[in-house]
Amino acid sequence: MTTTPNRTARLEARIAPDALAVVRRAAEIEGRSVSDFVVAAAREAARRTLEDAGLIRLSLDDQRRFVDLLLNPPDLTPAMRRARDAHGKLLREPG
């Protein structure tokens, strides 16, 4: 059985000396190399960014309005009724 070696890619970045000093110190505290620390921090920041992109944030008033509309939806307009009926007809028709 042959195993595929882990592949890595190089990432280069410029960093101000004072920022590098902070990163080095943080990496030392965690017992990691600077490279490992930076990669882990970048991965975590990317994960948070992707997670946040899928969230919708609403003010407290907007949250209340949203829930109220879910619990007490407005009457359908004539156009919405026609769209609902057309959609239902499409689903009932054999392929």
PDB file of N, CA and C in Angstrom:
ATOM      1  N   MET A   1       0.854  -1.181   0.000  1.00  0.00           N
ATOM      2  CA  MET A   1       0.000   0.000   0.000  1.00  0.00           C
ATOM      3  C   MET A   1       0.889   1.230   0.000  1.00  0.00           C
ATOM      4  N   THR A   2       0.601   2.184  -0.879  1.00  0.00           N
ATOM      5  CA  THR A   2       1.394   3.402  -0.989  1.00  0.00           C
ATOM      6  C   THR A   2       0.630   4.558  -0.374  1.00  0.00           C
ATOM      7  N   THR A   3       1.318   5.364   0.400  1.00  0.00           N
ATOM      8  CA  THR A   3       0.667   6.540   0.972  1.00  0.00           C
ATOM      9  C   THR A   3       1.136   7.775   0.228  1.00  0.00           C
ATOM     10  N   THR A   4       0.249   8.739   0.084  1.00  0.00           N
ATOM     11  CA  THR A   4       0.584   9.992  -0.568  1.00  0.00           C
ATOM     12  C   THR A   4       1.131  10.943   0.490  1.00  0.00           C
ATOM     13  N   PRO A   5       2.311  11.506   0.263  1.00  0.00           N
ATOM     14  CA  PRO A   5       2.854  12.423   1.258  1.00  0.00           C
ATOM     15  C   PRO A   5       2.009  13.698   1.336  1.00  0.00           C
ATOM     16  N   ASN A   6       1.997  14.305   2.513  1.00  0.00           N
ATOM     17  CA  ASN A   6       1.286  15.579   2.674  1.00  0.00           C
ATOM     18  C   ASN A   6       1.985  16.635   1.841  1.00  0.00           C
ATOM     19  N   ARG A   7       1.227  17.357   1.079  1.00  0.00           N
ATOM     20  CA  ARG A   7       1.803  18.430   0.275  1.00  0.00           C
ATOM     21  C   ARG A   7       1.574  19.743   0.991  1.00  0.00           C
ATOM     22  N   THR A   8       2.510  20.634   0.856  1.00  0.00           N
ATOM     23  CA  THR A   8       2.371  21.964   1.429  1.00  0.00           C
ATOM     24  C   THR A   8       2.661  22.991   0.357  1.00  0.00           C
ATOM     25  N   ALA A   9       2.212  24.199   0.591  1.00  0.00           N
ATOM     26  CA  ALA A   9       2.476  25.312  -0.307  1.00  0.00           C
ATOM     27  C   ALA A   9       3.129  26.426   0.502  1.00  0.00           C
ATOM     28  N   ARG A  10       3.937  27.191  -0.148  1.00  0.00           N
ATOM     29  CA  ARG A  10       4.632  28.282   0.521  1.00  0.00           C
ATOM     30  C   ARG A  10       3.767  29.534   0.470  1.00  0.00           C
ATOM     31  N   LEU A  11       3.763  30.268   1.573  1.00  0.00           N
ATOM     32  CA  LEU A  11       3.064  31.543   1.676  1.00  0.00           C
ATOM     33  C   LEU A  11       4.074  32.559   2.170  1.00  0.00           C
ATOM     34  N   GLU A  12       4.212  33.638   1.447  1.00  0.00           N
ATOM     35  CA  GLU A  12       5.143  34.673   1.867  1.00  0.00           C
ATOM     36  C   GLU A  12       4.374  35.922   2.237  1.00  0.00           C
ATOM     37  N   ALA A  13       4.835  36.607   3.261  1.00  0.00           N
ATOM     38  CA  ALA A  13       4.184  37.840   3.696  1.00  0.00           C
ATOM     39  C   ALA A  13       5.225  38.755   4.328  1.00  0.00           C
ATOM     40  N   ARG A  14       5.010  40.015   4.173  1.00  0.00           N
ATOM     41  CA  ARG A  14       5.862  40.997   4.839  1.00  0.00           C
ATOM     42  C   ARG A  14       5.165  41.406   6.133  1.00  0.00           C
ATOM     43  N   ILE A  15       5.951  41.608   7.165  1.00  0.00           N
ATOM     44  CA  ILE A  15       5.388  41.962   8.464  1.00  0.00           C
ATOM     45  C   ILE A  15       6.310  42.966   9.138  1.00  0.00           C
ATOM     46  N   ALA A  16       5.732  43.954   9.768  1.00  0.00           N
ATOM     47  CA  ALA A  16       6.516  44.973  10.468  1.00  0.00           C
ATOM     48  C   ALA A  16       7.268  44.312  11.627  1.00  0.00           C
ATOM     49  N   PRO A  17       8.460  44.805  11.929  1.00  0.00           N
ATOM     50  CA  PRO A  17       9.257  44.194  13.002  1.00  0.00           C
ATOM     51  C   PRO A  17       8.532  44.124  14.341  1.00  0.00           C
ATOM     52  N   ASP A  18       7.788  45.154  14.706  1.00  0.00           N
ATOM     53  CA  ASP A  18       7.084  45.113  15.990  1.00  0.00           C
ATOM     54  C   ASP A  18       5.967  44.066  15.985  1.00  0.00           C
ATOM     55  N   ALA A  19       5.301  43.900  14.845  1.00  0.00           N
ATOM     56  CA  ALA A  19       4.268  42.873  14.746  1.00  0.00           C
ATOM     57  C   ALA A  19       4.897  41.486  14.798  1.00  0.00           C
ATOM     58  N   LEU A  20       6.038  41.308  14.148  1.00  0.00           N
ATOM     59  CA  LEU A  20       6.735  40.026  14.176  1.00  0.00           C
ATOM     60  C   LEU A  20       7.160  39.678  15.595  1.00  0.00           C
ATOM     61  N   ALA A  21       7.583  40.672  16.347  1.00  0.00           N
ATOM     62  CA  ALA A  21       7.981  40.420  17.734  1.00  0.00           C
ATOM     63  C   ALA A  21       6.799  39.896  18.544  1.00  0.00           C
ATOM     64  N   VAL A  22       5.618  40.459  18.330  1.00  0.00           N
ATOM     65  CA  VAL A  22       4.419  40.009  19.047  1.00  0.00           C
ATOM     66  C   VAL A  22       4.072  38.577  18.635  1.00  0.00           C
ATOM     67  N   VAL A  23       4.137  38.298  17.334  1.00  0.00           N
ATOM     68  CA  VAL A  23       3.824  36.955  16.837  1.00  0.00           C
ATOM     69  C   VAL A  23       4.834  35.950  17.384  1.00  0.00           C
ATOM     70  N   ARG A  24       6.115  36.314  17.375  1.00  0.00           N
ATOM     71  CA  ARG A  24       7.144  35.404  17.922  1.00  0.00           C
ATOM     72  C   ARG A  24       6.875  35.091  19.382  1.00  0.00           C
ATOM     73  N   ARG A  25       6.544  36.119  20.143  1.00  0.00           N
ATOM     74  CA  ARG A  25       6.305  35.926  21.581  1.00  0.00           C
ATOM     75  C   ARG A  25       5.094  35.014  21.799  1.00  0.00           C
ATOM     76  N   ALA A  26       4.026  35.241  21.036  1.00  0.00           N
ATOM     77  CA  ALA A  26       2.829  34.411  21.165  1.00  0.00           C
ATOM     78  C   ALA A  26       3.136  32.964  20.776  1.00  0.00           C
ATOM     79  N   ALA A  27       3.908  32.779  19.712  1.00  0.00           N
ATOM     80  CA  ALA A  27       4.288  31.427  19.282  1.00  0.00           C
ATOM     81  C   ALA A  27       5.110  30.737  20.371  1.00  0.00           C
ATOM     82  N   GLU A  28       6.033  31.480  20.984  1.00  0.00           N
ATOM     83  CA  GLU A  28       6.839  30.913  22.075  1.00  0.00           C
ATOM     84  C   GLU A  28       5.966  30.474  23.236  1.00  0.00           C
ATOM     85  N   ILE A  29       4.996  31.303  23.590  1.00  0.00           N
ATOM     86  CA  ILE A  29       4.101  30.974  24.712  1.00  0.00           C
ATOM     87  C   ILE A  29       3.353  29.679  24.430  1.00  0.00           C
ATOM     88  N   GLU A  30       2.950  29.478  23.178  1.00  0.00           N
ATOM     89  CA  GLU A  30       2.227  28.254  22.816  1.00  0.00           C
ATOM     90  C   GLU A  30       3.157  27.098  22.475  1.00  0.00           C
ATOM     91  N   GLY A  31       4.467  27.337  22.489  1.00  0.00           N
ATOM     92  CA  GLY A  31       5.412  26.277  22.181  1.00  0.00           C
ATOM     93  C   GLY A  31       5.369  25.854  20.721  1.00  0.00           C
ATOM     94  N   ARG A  32       5.118  26.799  19.825  1.00  0.00           N
ATOM     95  CA  ARG A  32       5.012  26.513  18.403  1.00  0.00           C
ATOM     96  C   ARG A  32       6.046  27.326  17.645  1.00  0.00           C
ATOM     97  N   SER A  33       6.292  26.899  16.424  1.00  0.00           N
ATOM     98  CA  SER A  33       7.136  27.717  15.557  1.00  0.00           C
ATOM     99  C   SER A  33       6.305  28.912  15.098  1.00  0.00           C
ATOM    100  N   VAL A  34       6.991  29.957  14.660  1.00  0.00           N
ATOM    101  CA  VAL A  34       6.287  31.132  14.140  1.00  0.00           C
ATOM    102  C   VAL A  34       5.423  30.712  12.948  1.00  0.00           C
ATOM    103  N   SER A  35       5.986  29.890  12.081  1.00  0.00           N
ATOM    104  CA  SER A  35       5.249  29.438  10.909  1.00  0.00           C
ATOM    105  C   SER A  35       3.982  28.696  11.303  1.00  0.00           C
ATOM    106  N   ASP A  36       4.089  27.753  12.220  1.00  0.00           N
ATOM    107  CA  ASP A  36       2.937  26.987  12.675  1.00  0.00           C
ATOM    108  C   ASP A  36       1.908  27.900  13.329  1.00  0.00           C
ATOM    109  N   PHE A  37       2.378  28.834  14.144  1.00  0.00           N
ATOM    110  CA  PHE A  37       1.476  29.764  14.817  1.00  0.00           C
ATOM    111  C   PHE A  37       0.710  30.610  13.803  1.00  0.00           C
ATOM    112  N   VAL A  38       1.423  31.149  12.800  1.00  0.00           N
ATOM    113  CA  VAL A  38       0.791  32.010  11.798  1.00  0.00           C
ATOM    114  C   VAL A  38      -0.216  31.212  10.962  1.00  0.00           C
ATOM    115  N   VAL A  39       0.148  29.999  10.562  1.00  0.00           N
ATOM    116  CA  VAL A  39      -0.767  29.177   9.767  1.00  0.00           C
ATOM    117  C   VAL A  39      -2.023  28.857  10.583  1.00  0.00           C
ATOM    118  N   ALA A  40      -1.862  28.492  11.843  1.00  0.00           N
ATOM    119  CA  ALA A  40      -3.023  28.171  12.684  1.00  0.00           C
ATOM    120  C   ALA A  40      -3.906  29.403  12.880  1.00  0.00           C
ATOM    121  N   ALA A  41      -3.284  30.557  13.105  1.00  0.00           N
ATOM    122  CA  ALA A  41      -4.057  31.788  13.293  1.00  0.00           C
ATOM    123  C   ALA A  41      -4.794  32.171  12.011  1.00  0.00           C
ATOM    124  N   ALA A  42      -4.135  32.017  10.869  1.00  0.00           N
ATOM    125  CA  ALA A  42      -4.773  32.339   9.589  1.00  0.00           C
ATOM    126  C   ALA A  42      -5.936  31.384   9.324  1.00  0.00           C
ATOM    127  N   ARG A  43      -5.742  30.115   9.612  1.00  0.00           N
ATOM    128  CA  ARG A  43      -6.809  29.127   9.410  1.00  0.00           C
ATOM    129  C   ARG A  43      -8.017  29.448  10.283  1.00  0.00           C
ATOM    130  N   GLU A  44      -7.768  29.796  11.530  1.00  0.00           N
ATOM    131  CA  GLU A  44      -8.869  30.130  12.447  1.00  0.00           C
ATOM    132  C   GLU A  44      -9.586  31.402  11.990  1.00  0.00           C
ATOM    133  N   ALA A  45      -8.838  32.404  11.554  1.00  0.00           N
ATOM    134  CA  ALA A  45      -9.458  33.640  11.057  1.00  0.00           C
ATOM    135  C   ALA A  45     -10.285  33.351   9.810  1.00  0.00           C
ATOM    136  N   ALA A  46      -9.788  32.498   8.934  1.00  0.00           N
ATOM    137  CA  ALA A  46     -10.529  32.134   7.718  1.00  0.00           C
ATOM    138  C   ALA A  46     -11.802  31.376   8.079  1.00  0.00           C
ATOM    139  N   ARG A  47     -11.717  30.455   9.025  1.00  0.00           N
ATOM    140  CA  ARG A  47     -12.894  29.697   9.464  1.00  0.00           C
ATOM    141  C   ARG A  47     -13.964  30.637  10.013  1.00  0.00           C
ATOM    142  N   ARG A  48     -13.552  31.588  10.864  1.00  0.00           N
ATOM    143  CA  ARG A  48     -14.503  32.551  11.434  1.00  0.00           C
ATOM    144  C   ARG A  48     -15.136  33.410  10.340  1.00  0.00           C
ATOM    145  N   THR A  49     -14.328  33.850   9.382  1.00  0.00           N
ATOM    146  CA  THR A  49     -14.842  34.671   8.288  1.00  0.00           C
ATOM    147  C   THR A  49     -15.883  33.914   7.480  1.00  0.00           C
ATOM    148  N   LEU A  50     -15.587  32.663   7.148  1.00  0.00           N
ATOM    149  CA  LEU A  50     -16.533  31.849   6.385  1.00  0.00           C
ATOM    150  C   LEU A  50     -17.804  31.574   7.188  1.00  0.00           C
ATOM    151  N   GLU A  51     -17.641  31.329   8.476  1.00  0.00           N
ATOM    152  CA  GLU A  51     -18.796  31.087   9.330  1.00  0.00           C
ATOM    153  C   GLU A  51     -19.658  32.342   9.429  1.00  0.00           C
ATOM    154  N   ASP A  52     -19.022  33.488   9.627  1.00  0.00           N
ATOM    155  CA  ASP A  52     -19.760  34.753   9.740  1.00  0.00           C
ATOM    156  C   ASP A  52     -20.474  35.116   8.443  1.00  0.00           C
ATOM    157  N   ALA A  53     -19.926  34.695   7.313  1.00  0.00           N
ATOM    158  CA  ALA A  53     -20.554  35.007   6.027  1.00  0.00           C
ATOM    159  C   ALA A  53     -21.914  34.340   5.897  1.00  0.00           C
ATOM    160  N   GLY A  54     -22.136  33.273   6.632  1.00  0.00           N
ATOM    161  CA  GLY A  54     -23.411  32.567   6.571  1.00  0.00           C
ATOM    162  C   GLY A  54     -24.419  33.032   7.608  1.00  0.00           C
ATOM    163  N   LEU A  55     -24.056  34.029   8.412  1.00  0.00           N
ATOM    164  CA  LEU A  55     -24.950  34.516   9.456  1.00  0.00           C
ATOM    165  C   LEU A  55     -25.680  35.774   9.016  1.00  0.00           C
ATOM    166  N   ILE A  56     -26.897  35.918   9.463  1.00  0.00           N
ATOM    167  CA  ILE A  56     -27.648  37.149   9.264  1.00  0.00           C
ATOM    168  C   ILE A  56     -27.820  37.780  10.634  1.00  0.00           C
ATOM    169  N   ARG A  57     -27.365  38.990  10.770  1.00  0.00           N
ATOM    170  CA  ARG A  57     -27.471  39.682  12.061  1.00  0.00           C
ATOM    171  C   ARG A  57     -28.613  40.679  11.997  1.00  0.00           C
ATOM    172  N   LEU A  58     -29.477  40.613  13.007  1.00  0.00           N
ATOM    173  CA  LEU A  58     -30.627  41.504  13.067  1.00  0.00           C
ATOM    174  C   LEU A  58     -30.625  42.252  14.386  1.00  0.00           C
ATOM    175  N   SER A  59     -31.094  43.492  14.347  1.00  0.00           N
ATOM    176  CA  SER A  59     -31.265  44.245  15.586  1.00  0.00           C
ATOM    177  C   SER A  59     -32.383  43.578  16.390  1.00  0.00           C
ATOM    178  N   LEU A  60     -32.516  43.948  17.645  1.00  0.00           N
ATOM    179  CA  LEU A  60     -33.554  43.363  18.482  1.00  0.00           C
ATOM    180  C   LEU A  60     -34.936  43.653  17.907  1.00  0.00           C
ATOM    181  N   ASP A  61     -35.149  44.869  17.420  1.00  0.00           N
ATOM    182  CA  ASP A  61     -36.446  45.207  16.799  1.00  0.00           C
ATOM    183  C   ASP A  61     -36.685  44.353  15.554  1.00  0.00           C
ATOM    184  N   ASP A  62     -35.658  44.178  14.716  1.00  0.00           N
ATOM    185  CA  ASP A  62     -35.809  43.357  13.518  1.00  0.00           C
ATOM    186  C   ASP A  62     -36.058  41.893  13.863  1.00  0.00           C
ATOM    187  N   GLN A  63     -35.438  41.399  14.934  1.00  0.00           N
ATOM    188  CA  GLN A  63     -35.688  40.029  15.374  1.00  0.00           C
ATOM    189  C   GLN A  63     -37.153  39.855  15.769  1.00  0.00           C
ATOM    190  N   ARG A  64     -37.674  40.828  16.514  1.00  0.00           N
ATOM    191  CA  ARG A  64     -39.080  40.753  16.936  1.00  0.00           C
ATOM    192  C   ARG A  64     -40.012  40.796  15.725  1.00  0.00           C
ATOM    193  N   ARG A  65     -39.718  41.681  14.783  1.00  0.00           N
ATOM    194  CA  ARG A  65     -40.552  41.789  13.576  1.00  0.00           C
ATOM    195  C   ARG A  65     -40.501  40.479  12.779  1.00  0.00           C
ATOM    196  N   PHE A  66     -39.305  39.895  12.640  1.00  0.00           N
ATOM    197  CA  PHE A  66     -39.139  38.639  11.915  1.00  0.00           C
ATOM    198  C   PHE A  66     -39.988  37.539  12.543  1.00  0.00           C
ATOM    199  N   VAL A  67     -39.904  37.392  13.856  1.00  0.00           N
ATOM    200  CA  VAL A  67     -40.668  36.350  14.556  1.00  0.00           C
ATOM    201  C   VAL A  67     -42.157  36.627  14.420  1.00  0.00           C
ATOM    202  N   ASP A  68     -42.555  37.890  14.554  1.00  0.00           N
ATOM    203  CA  ASP A  68     -43.967  38.229  14.423  1.00  0.00           C
ATOM    204  C   ASP A  68     -44.491  37.858  13.031  1.00  0.00           C
ATOM    205  N   LEU A  69     -43.699  38.133  11.989  1.00  0.00           N
ATOM    206  CA  LEU A  69     -44.126  37.792  10.632  1.00  0.00           C
ATOM    207  C   LEU A  69     -44.180  36.281  10.412  1.00  0.00           C
ATOM    208  N   LEU A  70     -43.288  35.544  11.075  1.00  0.00           N
ATOM    209  CA  LEU A  70     -43.349  34.081  10.977  1.00  0.00           C
ATOM    210  C   LEU A  70     -44.605  33.539  11.653  1.00  0.00           C
ATOM    211  N   LEU A  71     -44.916  34.089  12.818  1.00  0.00           N
ATOM    212  CA  LEU A  71     -46.061  33.599  13.583  1.00  0.00           C
ATOM    213  C   LEU A  71     -47.382  34.134  13.048  1.00  0.00           C
ATOM    214  N   ASN A  72     -47.339  35.315  12.450  1.00  0.00           N
ATOM    215  CA  ASN A  72     -48.554  35.956  11.933  1.00  0.00           C
ATOM    216  C   ASN A  72     -48.288  36.481  10.527  1.00  0.00           C
ATOM    217  N   PRO A  73     -48.172  35.574   9.553  1.00  0.00           N
ATOM    218  CA  PRO A  73     -47.838  36.026   8.201  1.00  0.00           C
ATOM    219  C   PRO A  73     -48.961  36.876   7.609  1.00  0.00           C
ATOM    220  N   PRO A  74     -48.602  37.850   6.780  1.00  0.00           N
ATOM    221  CA  PRO A  74     -49.631  38.664   6.128  1.00  0.00           C
ATOM    222  C   PRO A  74     -50.379  37.824   5.088  1.00  0.00           C
ATOM    223  N   ASP A  75     -51.553  38.293   4.708  1.00  0.00           N
ATOM    224  CA  ASP A  75     -52.316  37.606   3.657  1.00  0.00           C
ATOM    225  C   ASP A  75     -51.532  37.654   2.358  1.00  0.00           C
ATOM    226  N   LEU A  76     -51.686  36.605   1.544  1.00  0.00           N
ATOM    227  CA  LEU A  76     -51.010  36.568   0.253  1.00  0.00           C
ATOM    228  C   LEU A  76     -51.637  37.581  -0.698  1.00  0.00           C
ATOM    229  N   THR A  77     -50.798  38.212  -1.488  1.00  0.00           N
ATOM    230  CA  THR A  77     -51.295  39.097  -2.533  1.00  0.00           C
ATOM    231  C   THR A  77     -51.812  38.227  -3.673  1.00  0.00           C
ATOM    232  N   PRO A  78     -52.615  38.781  -4.560  1.00  0.00           N
ATOM    233  CA  PRO A  78     -53.088  37.995  -5.706  1.00  0.00           C
ATOM    234  C   PRO A  78     -51.937  37.382  -6.506  1.00  0.00           C
ATOM    235  N   ALA A  79     -50.854  38.116  -6.710  1.00  0.00           N
ATOM    236  CA  ALA A  79     -49.709  37.585  -7.466  1.00  0.00           C
ATOM    237  C   ALA A  79     -49.070  36.410  -6.725  1.00  0.00           C
ATOM    238  N   MET A  80     -48.990  36.499  -5.405  1.00  0.00           N
ATOM    239  CA  MET A  80     -48.417  35.390  -4.633  1.00  0.00           C
ATOM    240  C   MET A  80     -49.331  34.166  -4.692  1.00  0.00           C
ATOM    241  N   ARG A  81     -50.633  34.369  -4.679  1.00  0.00           N
ATOM    242  CA  ARG A  81     -51.565  33.240  -4.788  1.00  0.00           C
ATOM    243  C   ARG A  81     -51.399  32.546  -6.134  1.00  0.00           C
ATOM    244  N   ARG A  82     -51.286  33.339  -7.201  1.00  0.00           N
ATOM    245  CA  ARG A  82     -51.098  32.754  -8.534  1.00  0.00           C
ATOM    246  C   ARG A  82     -49.787  31.978  -8.602  1.00  0.00           C
ATOM    247  N   ALA A  83     -48.730  32.535  -8.014  1.00  0.00           N
ATOM    248  CA  ALA A  83     -47.432  31.853  -8.016  1.00  0.00           C
ATOM    249  C   ALA A  83     -47.512  30.553  -7.227  1.00  0.00           C
ATOM    250  N   ARG A  84     -48.179  30.578  -6.086  1.00  0.00           N
ATOM    251  CA  ARG A  84     -48.342  29.355  -5.281  1.00  0.00           C
ATOM    252  C   ARG A  84     -49.116  28.299  -6.059  1.00  0.00           C
ATOM    253  N   ASP A  85     -50.200  28.722  -6.702  1.00  0.00           N
ATOM    254  CA  ASP A  85     -51.019  27.773  -7.462  1.00  0.00           C
ATOM    255  C   ASP A  85     -50.236  27.201  -8.651  1.00  0.00           C
ATOM    256  N   ALA A  86     -49.474  28.043  -9.350  1.00  0.00           N
ATOM    257  CA  ALA A  86     -48.679  27.568 -10.489  1.00  0.00           C
ATOM    258  C   ALA A  86     -47.603  26.593 -10.017  1.00  0.00           C
ATOM    259  N   HIS A  87     -46.998  26.880  -8.910  1.00  0.00           N
ATOM    260  CA  HIS A  87     -45.974  25.993  -8.354  1.00  0.00           C
ATOM    261  C   HIS A  87     -46.591  24.644  -7.988  1.00  0.00           C
ATOM    262  N   GLY A  88     -47.741  24.673  -7.344  1.00  0.00           N
ATOM    263  CA  GLY A  88     -48.420  23.432  -6.984  1.00  0.00           C
ATOM    264  C   GLY A  88     -48.797  22.616  -8.195  1.00  0.00           C
ATOM    265  N   LYS A  89     -49.226  23.309  -9.255  1.00  0.00           N
ATOM    266  CA  LYS A  89     -49.599  22.600 -10.484  1.00  0.00           C
ATOM    267  C   LYS A  89     -48.367  21.926 -11.111  1.00  0.00           C
ATOM    268  N   LEU A  90     -47.240  22.613 -11.109  1.00  0.00           N
ATOM    269  CA  LEU A  90     -46.007  22.030 -11.654  1.00  0.00           C
ATOM    270  C   LEU A  90     -45.589  20.775 -10.886  1.00  0.00           C
ATOM    271  N   LEU A  91     -45.771  20.794  -9.587  1.00  0.00           N
ATOM    272  CA  LEU A  91     -45.384  19.642  -8.772  1.00  0.00           C
ATOM    273  C   LEU A  91     -46.327  18.468  -8.968  1.00  0.00           C
ATOM    274  N   ARG A  92     -47.586  18.733  -9.301  1.00  0.00           N
ATOM    275  CA  ARG A  92     -48.557  17.653  -9.491  1.00  0.00           C
ATOM    276  C   ARG A  92     -48.483  17.024 -10.872  1.00  0.00           C
ATOM    277  N   GLU A  93     -47.970  17.764 -11.854  1.00  0.00           N
ATOM    278  CA  GLU A  93     -47.919  17.229 -13.227  1.00  0.00           C
ATOM    279  C   GLU A  93     -46.867  16.129 -13.326  1.00  0.00           C
ATOM    280  N   PRO A  94     -47.227  15.023 -14.018  1.00  0.00           N
ATOM    281  CA  PRO A  94     -46.222  13.955 -14.188  1.00  0.00           C
ATOM    282  C   PRO A  94     -45.096  14.435 -15.088  1.00  0.00           C
ATOM    283  N   GLY A  95     -43.851  13.959 -14.795  1.00  0.00           N
ATOM    284  CA  GLY A  95     -42.646  14.351 -15.493  1.00  0.00           C
ATOM    285  C   GLY A  95     -42.700  14.117 -16.931  1.00  0.00           C
TER     286      GLY A  95
END
